[in-house]
Amino acid sequence: MSVVDRVLEALNAQDVDAFVGCYGPDATIEDGYDRVGARGHDELRTRYGAMFAKYPGVRVEPGWRTEVGNFIVQEETVTGRSGHERHVAVYQIEDDLIVRERLIA
C-alpha cells in the first residue's frame, strides 16, 4: 500500500495521528497558487484535527492516478463537507513519506 493510499485511509477514518504520520516533518500542503495551508506536523495536526471535528462525515475517494518518478498525481472526490467537490492532488514522495502536497481545485 502506498503512502497516498495510507493517507486517504487515515483521513477517511479521521485518525489524525495516522494522517500526520504519512507526512515528513517539514511537509507542506499547498494550493495551486503556491499558498501554503499547512507546514509541518503541528500545523497539519491542528488543521486536519479541526476539519475532522467540524465535518465528521468527510470522505475522500480516489479517482484516476498516475505516477511519475517520485510524484503521484491523483483526482479525488471529497464528500461530507459542503456538497460534492473534486480536485487533483499532486503528492511528492520521499522515503515513503509525503513531503509536499499540492491541491488543485
N, C-alpha and C. Protein backbone atom coordinates (compact mmCIF):
# COMPACT_ATOMS: atom_id res chain seq x y z
N MET A 1 0.85 -1.18 0.00
CA MET A 1 0.00 0.00 0.00
C MET A 1 0.89 1.24 0.00
N SER A 2 0.62 2.15 -0.90
CA SER A 2 1.43 3.38 -0.98
C SER A 2 1.06 4.35 0.14
N VAL A 3 1.94 5.31 0.37
CA VAL A 3 1.67 6.32 1.38
C VAL A 3 0.42 7.13 1.02
N VAL A 4 0.13 7.30 -0.25
CA VAL A 4 -1.09 8.03 -0.65
C VAL A 4 -2.33 7.22 -0.27
N ASP A 5 -2.28 5.92 -0.46
CA ASP A 5 -3.40 5.07 0.00
C ASP A 5 -3.56 5.17 1.51
N ARG A 6 -2.44 5.14 2.22
CA ARG A 6 -2.49 5.21 3.69
C ARG A 6 -3.02 6.55 4.18
N VAL A 7 -2.63 7.67 3.50
CA VAL A 7 -3.10 8.97 3.96
C VAL A 7 -4.61 9.10 3.75
N LEU A 8 -5.13 8.57 2.64
CA LEU A 8 -6.58 8.63 2.42
C LEU A 8 -7.32 7.73 3.40
N GLU A 9 -6.74 6.58 3.70
CA GLU A 9 -7.35 5.68 4.69
C GLU A 9 -7.43 6.37 6.05
N ALA A 10 -6.34 7.03 6.45
CA ALA A 10 -6.32 7.74 7.74
C ALA A 10 -7.30 8.90 7.74
N LEU A 11 -7.36 9.65 6.64
CA LEU A 11 -8.28 10.78 6.54
C LEU A 11 -9.72 10.28 6.66
N ASN A 12 -10.06 9.23 5.93
CA ASN A 12 -11.43 8.71 5.97
C ASN A 12 -11.79 8.12 7.32
N ALA A 13 -10.80 7.64 8.06
CA ALA A 13 -11.04 7.13 9.42
C ALA A 13 -10.98 8.26 10.45
N GLN A 14 -10.61 9.45 10.01
CA GLN A 14 -10.43 10.62 10.86
C GLN A 14 -9.44 10.33 11.99
N ASP A 15 -8.36 9.63 11.62
CA ASP A 15 -7.28 9.28 12.54
C ASP A 15 -6.16 10.29 12.32
N VAL A 16 -6.18 11.37 13.09
CA VAL A 16 -5.24 12.47 12.85
C VAL A 16 -3.79 12.03 13.05
N ASP A 17 -3.52 11.14 13.99
CA ASP A 17 -2.15 10.69 14.21
C ASP A 17 -1.63 9.88 13.02
N ALA A 18 -2.44 8.97 12.51
CA ALA A 18 -2.04 8.19 11.33
C ALA A 18 -1.91 9.10 10.12
N PHE A 19 -2.80 10.08 10.00
CA PHE A 19 -2.76 11.04 8.89
C PHE A 19 -1.44 11.81 8.91
N VAL A 20 -1.12 12.42 10.03
CA VAL A 20 0.10 13.21 10.15
C VAL A 20 1.34 12.34 9.96
N GLY A 21 1.28 11.08 10.39
CA GLY A 21 2.39 10.15 10.24
C GLY A 21 2.74 9.82 8.80
N CYS A 22 1.88 10.16 7.86
CA CYS A 22 2.15 9.92 6.44
C CYS A 22 2.99 11.04 5.82
N TYR A 23 3.22 12.11 6.57
CA TYR A 23 3.93 13.28 6.06
C TYR A 23 5.30 13.41 6.72
N GLY A 24 6.25 13.94 5.96
CA GLY A 24 7.55 14.28 6.52
C GLY A 24 7.40 15.39 7.54
N PRO A 25 8.38 15.56 8.43
CA PRO A 25 8.26 16.56 9.50
C PRO A 25 8.10 17.99 9.01
N ASP A 26 8.62 18.32 7.84
CA ASP A 26 8.52 19.68 7.30
C ASP A 26 7.62 19.75 6.08
N ALA A 27 6.77 18.77 5.90
CA ALA A 27 5.91 18.70 4.71
C ALA A 27 4.98 19.91 4.63
N THR A 28 4.60 20.23 3.39
CA THR A 28 3.64 21.30 3.18
C THR A 28 2.45 20.78 2.39
N ILE A 29 1.30 21.39 2.66
CA ILE A 29 0.12 21.21 1.83
C ILE A 29 -0.19 22.59 1.28
N GLU A 30 -0.25 22.67 -0.06
CA GLU A 30 -0.40 23.95 -0.75
C GLU A 30 -1.58 23.89 -1.71
N ASP A 31 -1.99 25.06 -2.15
CA ASP A 31 -2.99 25.11 -3.22
C ASP A 31 -2.26 25.26 -4.55
N GLY A 32 -2.99 25.41 -5.62
CA GLY A 32 -2.42 25.52 -6.94
C GLY A 32 -1.67 26.81 -7.21
N TYR A 33 -1.71 27.74 -6.27
CA TYR A 33 -1.05 29.03 -6.43
C TYR A 33 0.11 29.20 -5.46
N ASP A 34 0.64 28.09 -4.96
CA ASP A 34 1.78 28.09 -4.03
C ASP A 34 1.47 28.64 -2.65
N ARG A 35 0.20 28.80 -2.31
CA ARG A 35 -0.14 29.26 -0.96
C ARG A 35 -0.12 28.05 -0.02
N VAL A 36 0.67 28.16 1.02
CA VAL A 36 0.82 27.06 1.97
C VAL A 36 -0.31 27.11 2.99
N GLY A 37 -1.07 26.02 3.07
CA GLY A 37 -2.17 25.92 4.03
C GLY A 37 -1.72 25.30 5.35
N ALA A 38 -0.70 24.47 5.28
CA ALA A 38 -0.16 23.84 6.49
C ALA A 38 1.28 23.44 6.22
N ARG A 39 2.13 23.64 7.22
CA ARG A 39 3.55 23.26 7.12
C ARG A 39 3.94 22.54 8.40
N GLY A 40 4.43 21.34 8.27
CA GLY A 40 4.93 20.58 9.41
C GLY A 40 3.82 19.87 10.17
N HIS A 41 4.25 18.97 11.01
CA HIS A 41 3.31 18.11 11.74
C HIS A 41 2.34 18.89 12.63
N ASP A 42 2.82 19.91 13.33
CA ASP A 42 1.94 20.63 14.25
C ASP A 42 0.80 21.32 13.49
N GLU A 43 1.13 21.99 12.38
CA GLU A 43 0.09 22.67 11.61
C GLU A 43 -0.85 21.66 10.94
N LEU A 44 -0.30 20.54 10.46
CA LEU A 44 -1.17 19.50 9.88
C LEU A 44 -2.15 18.98 10.92
N ARG A 45 -1.64 18.69 12.11
CA ARG A 45 -2.49 18.16 13.19
C ARG A 45 -3.58 19.17 13.55
N THR A 46 -3.23 20.45 13.65
CA THR A 46 -4.21 21.48 14.01
C THR A 46 -5.27 21.63 12.93
N ARG A 47 -4.83 21.76 11.68
CA ARG A 47 -5.77 21.99 10.58
C ARG A 47 -6.70 20.81 10.36
N TYR A 48 -6.15 19.62 10.30
CA TYR A 48 -6.98 18.46 9.99
C TYR A 48 -7.75 17.96 11.22
N GLY A 49 -7.21 18.14 12.41
CA GLY A 49 -7.99 17.82 13.61
C GLY A 49 -9.24 18.66 13.69
N ALA A 50 -9.11 19.96 13.37
CA ALA A 50 -10.27 20.86 13.36
C ALA A 50 -11.26 20.46 12.26
N MET A 51 -10.74 20.09 11.09
CA MET A 51 -11.63 19.69 9.99
C MET A 51 -12.40 18.42 10.37
N PHE A 52 -11.72 17.46 10.99
CA PHE A 52 -12.40 16.22 11.39
C PHE A 52 -13.50 16.51 12.41
N ALA A 53 -13.24 17.44 13.33
CA ALA A 53 -14.25 17.79 14.33
C ALA A 53 -15.44 18.50 13.68
N LYS A 54 -15.18 19.38 12.73
CA LYS A 54 -16.24 20.15 12.09
C LYS A 54 -17.04 19.32 11.09
N TYR A 55 -16.37 18.41 10.39
CA TYR A 55 -17.01 17.59 9.35
C TYR A 55 -16.79 16.10 9.62
N PRO A 56 -17.53 15.54 10.57
CA PRO A 56 -17.30 14.13 10.92
C PRO A 56 -17.61 13.15 9.78
N GLY A 57 -18.33 13.60 8.77
CA GLY A 57 -18.66 12.72 7.65
C GLY A 57 -17.78 12.92 6.44
N VAL A 58 -16.69 13.70 6.55
CA VAL A 58 -15.85 13.96 5.38
C VAL A 58 -15.20 12.67 4.89
N ARG A 59 -15.20 12.50 3.57
CA ARG A 59 -14.58 11.33 2.94
C ARG A 59 -13.91 11.79 1.65
N VAL A 60 -12.78 11.16 1.33
CA VAL A 60 -12.08 11.41 0.08
C VAL A 60 -11.94 10.09 -0.65
N GLU A 61 -12.43 10.07 -1.89
CA GLU A 61 -12.35 8.86 -2.71
C GLU A 61 -11.44 9.14 -3.90
N PRO A 62 -10.48 8.24 -4.15
CA PRO A 62 -9.57 8.45 -5.27
C PRO A 62 -10.24 8.17 -6.61
N GLY A 63 -9.80 8.89 -7.62
CA GLY A 63 -10.20 8.63 -9.00
C GLY A 63 -9.00 8.10 -9.76
N TRP A 64 -8.74 8.67 -10.92
CA TRP A 64 -7.59 8.23 -11.69
C TRP A 64 -6.30 8.61 -10.98
N ARG A 65 -5.24 7.87 -11.27
CA ARG A 65 -3.93 8.11 -10.65
C ARG A 65 -2.84 7.82 -11.68
N THR A 66 -1.80 8.63 -11.62
CA THR A 66 -0.60 8.36 -12.42
C THR A 66 0.62 8.62 -11.54
N GLU A 67 1.66 7.87 -11.79
CA GLU A 67 2.90 8.03 -11.03
C GLU A 67 4.02 8.38 -12.00
N VAL A 68 4.77 9.42 -11.66
CA VAL A 68 5.90 9.87 -12.47
C VAL A 68 7.05 10.14 -11.50
N GLY A 69 8.08 9.31 -11.55
CA GLY A 69 9.19 9.48 -10.63
C GLY A 69 8.71 9.40 -9.19
N ASN A 70 9.05 10.41 -8.41
CA ASN A 70 8.61 10.41 -7.01
C ASN A 70 7.34 11.25 -6.79
N PHE A 71 6.54 11.39 -7.86
CA PHE A 71 5.27 12.11 -7.77
C PHE A 71 4.11 11.16 -8.05
N ILE A 72 3.03 11.34 -7.29
CA ILE A 72 1.76 10.69 -7.57
C ILE A 72 0.75 11.79 -7.79
N VAL A 73 0.08 11.73 -8.94
CA VAL A 73 -0.96 12.70 -9.29
C VAL A 73 -2.27 11.94 -9.29
N GLN A 74 -3.25 12.46 -8.55
CA GLN A 74 -4.50 11.72 -8.37
C GLN A 74 -5.69 12.67 -8.33
N GLU A 75 -6.74 12.30 -9.05
CA GLU A 75 -8.01 13.00 -8.92
C GLU A 75 -8.70 12.47 -7.67
N GLU A 76 -9.34 13.37 -6.92
CA GLU A 76 -10.01 12.97 -5.69
C GLU A 76 -11.38 13.66 -5.59
N THR A 77 -12.33 12.93 -5.04
CA THR A 77 -13.66 13.46 -4.80
C THR A 77 -13.88 13.54 -3.30
N VAL A 78 -14.27 14.71 -2.82
CA VAL A 78 -14.49 14.95 -1.39
C VAL A 78 -15.98 15.10 -1.16
N THR A 79 -16.50 14.35 -0.20
CA THR A 79 -17.89 14.48 0.21
C THR A 79 -17.93 14.69 1.73
N GLY A 80 -19.06 15.17 2.21
CA GLY A 80 -19.25 15.32 3.65
C GLY A 80 -18.85 16.67 4.20
N ARG A 81 -18.47 17.58 3.33
CA ARG A 81 -18.19 18.95 3.78
C ARG A 81 -19.33 19.82 3.31
N SER A 82 -19.11 20.57 2.27
CA SER A 82 -20.18 21.43 1.75
C SER A 82 -20.52 20.96 0.34
N GLY A 83 -21.19 19.85 0.26
CA GLY A 83 -21.56 19.32 -1.05
C GLY A 83 -20.52 18.38 -1.59
N HIS A 84 -20.43 18.33 -2.88
CA HIS A 84 -19.58 17.40 -3.61
C HIS A 84 -18.46 18.19 -4.26
N GLU A 85 -17.22 17.81 -4.03
CA GLU A 85 -16.08 18.59 -4.51
C GLU A 85 -15.04 17.66 -5.14
N ARG A 86 -14.46 18.11 -6.25
CA ARG A 86 -13.38 17.36 -6.90
C ARG A 86 -12.14 18.23 -6.98
N HIS A 87 -11.00 17.58 -6.86
CA HIS A 87 -9.73 18.28 -7.04
C HIS A 87 -8.70 17.28 -7.54
N VAL A 88 -7.55 17.81 -7.93
CA VAL A 88 -6.41 16.98 -8.29
C VAL A 88 -5.34 17.23 -7.23
N ALA A 89 -4.79 16.15 -6.71
CA ALA A 89 -3.73 16.25 -5.72
C ALA A 89 -2.43 15.77 -6.35
N VAL A 90 -1.38 16.54 -6.14
CA VAL A 90 -0.04 16.16 -6.59
C VAL A 90 0.78 15.93 -5.32
N TYR A 91 1.17 14.68 -5.12
CA TYR A 91 1.94 14.29 -3.94
C TYR A 91 3.40 14.08 -4.34
N GLN A 92 4.32 14.70 -3.62
CA GLN A 92 5.74 14.43 -3.79
C GLN A 92 6.15 13.51 -2.65
N ILE A 93 6.73 12.38 -3.01
CA ILE A 93 7.05 11.33 -2.04
C ILE A 93 8.57 11.19 -1.92
N GLU A 94 9.05 11.12 -0.70
CA GLU A 94 10.46 10.82 -0.42
C GLU A 94 10.51 9.90 0.79
N ASP A 95 11.24 8.81 0.67
CA ASP A 95 11.39 7.84 1.76
C ASP A 95 10.04 7.39 2.30
N ASP A 96 9.09 7.15 1.41
CA ASP A 96 7.75 6.66 1.73
C ASP A 96 6.95 7.63 2.63
N LEU A 97 7.27 8.91 2.53
CA LEU A 97 6.51 9.97 3.22
C LEU A 97 6.16 11.05 2.22
N ILE A 98 5.03 11.71 2.44
CA ILE A 98 4.64 12.84 1.62
C ILE A 98 5.43 14.05 2.12
N VAL A 99 6.19 14.69 1.23
CA VAL A 99 6.95 15.87 1.63
C VAL A 99 6.32 17.16 1.10
N ARG A 100 5.46 17.01 0.10
CA ARG A 100 4.74 18.15 -0.43
C ARG A 100 3.47 17.65 -1.10
N GLU A 101 2.38 18.34 -0.81
CA GLU A 101 1.10 18.02 -1.44
C GLU A 101 0.54 19.32 -2.00
N ARG A 102 0.14 19.27 -3.24
CA ARG A 102 -0.48 20.44 -3.88
C ARG A 102 -1.89 20.04 -4.28
N LEU A 103 -2.87 20.79 -3.82
CA LEU A 103 -4.27 20.54 -4.17
C LEU A 103 -4.73 21.58 -5.17
N ILE A 104 -5.15 21.11 -6.33
CA ILE A 104 -5.59 21.99 -7.40
C ILE A 104 -7.08 21.79 -7.58
N ALA A 105 -7.83 22.86 -7.27
CA ALA A 105 -9.30 22.76 -7.33
C ALA A 105 -9.86 23.88 -8.17
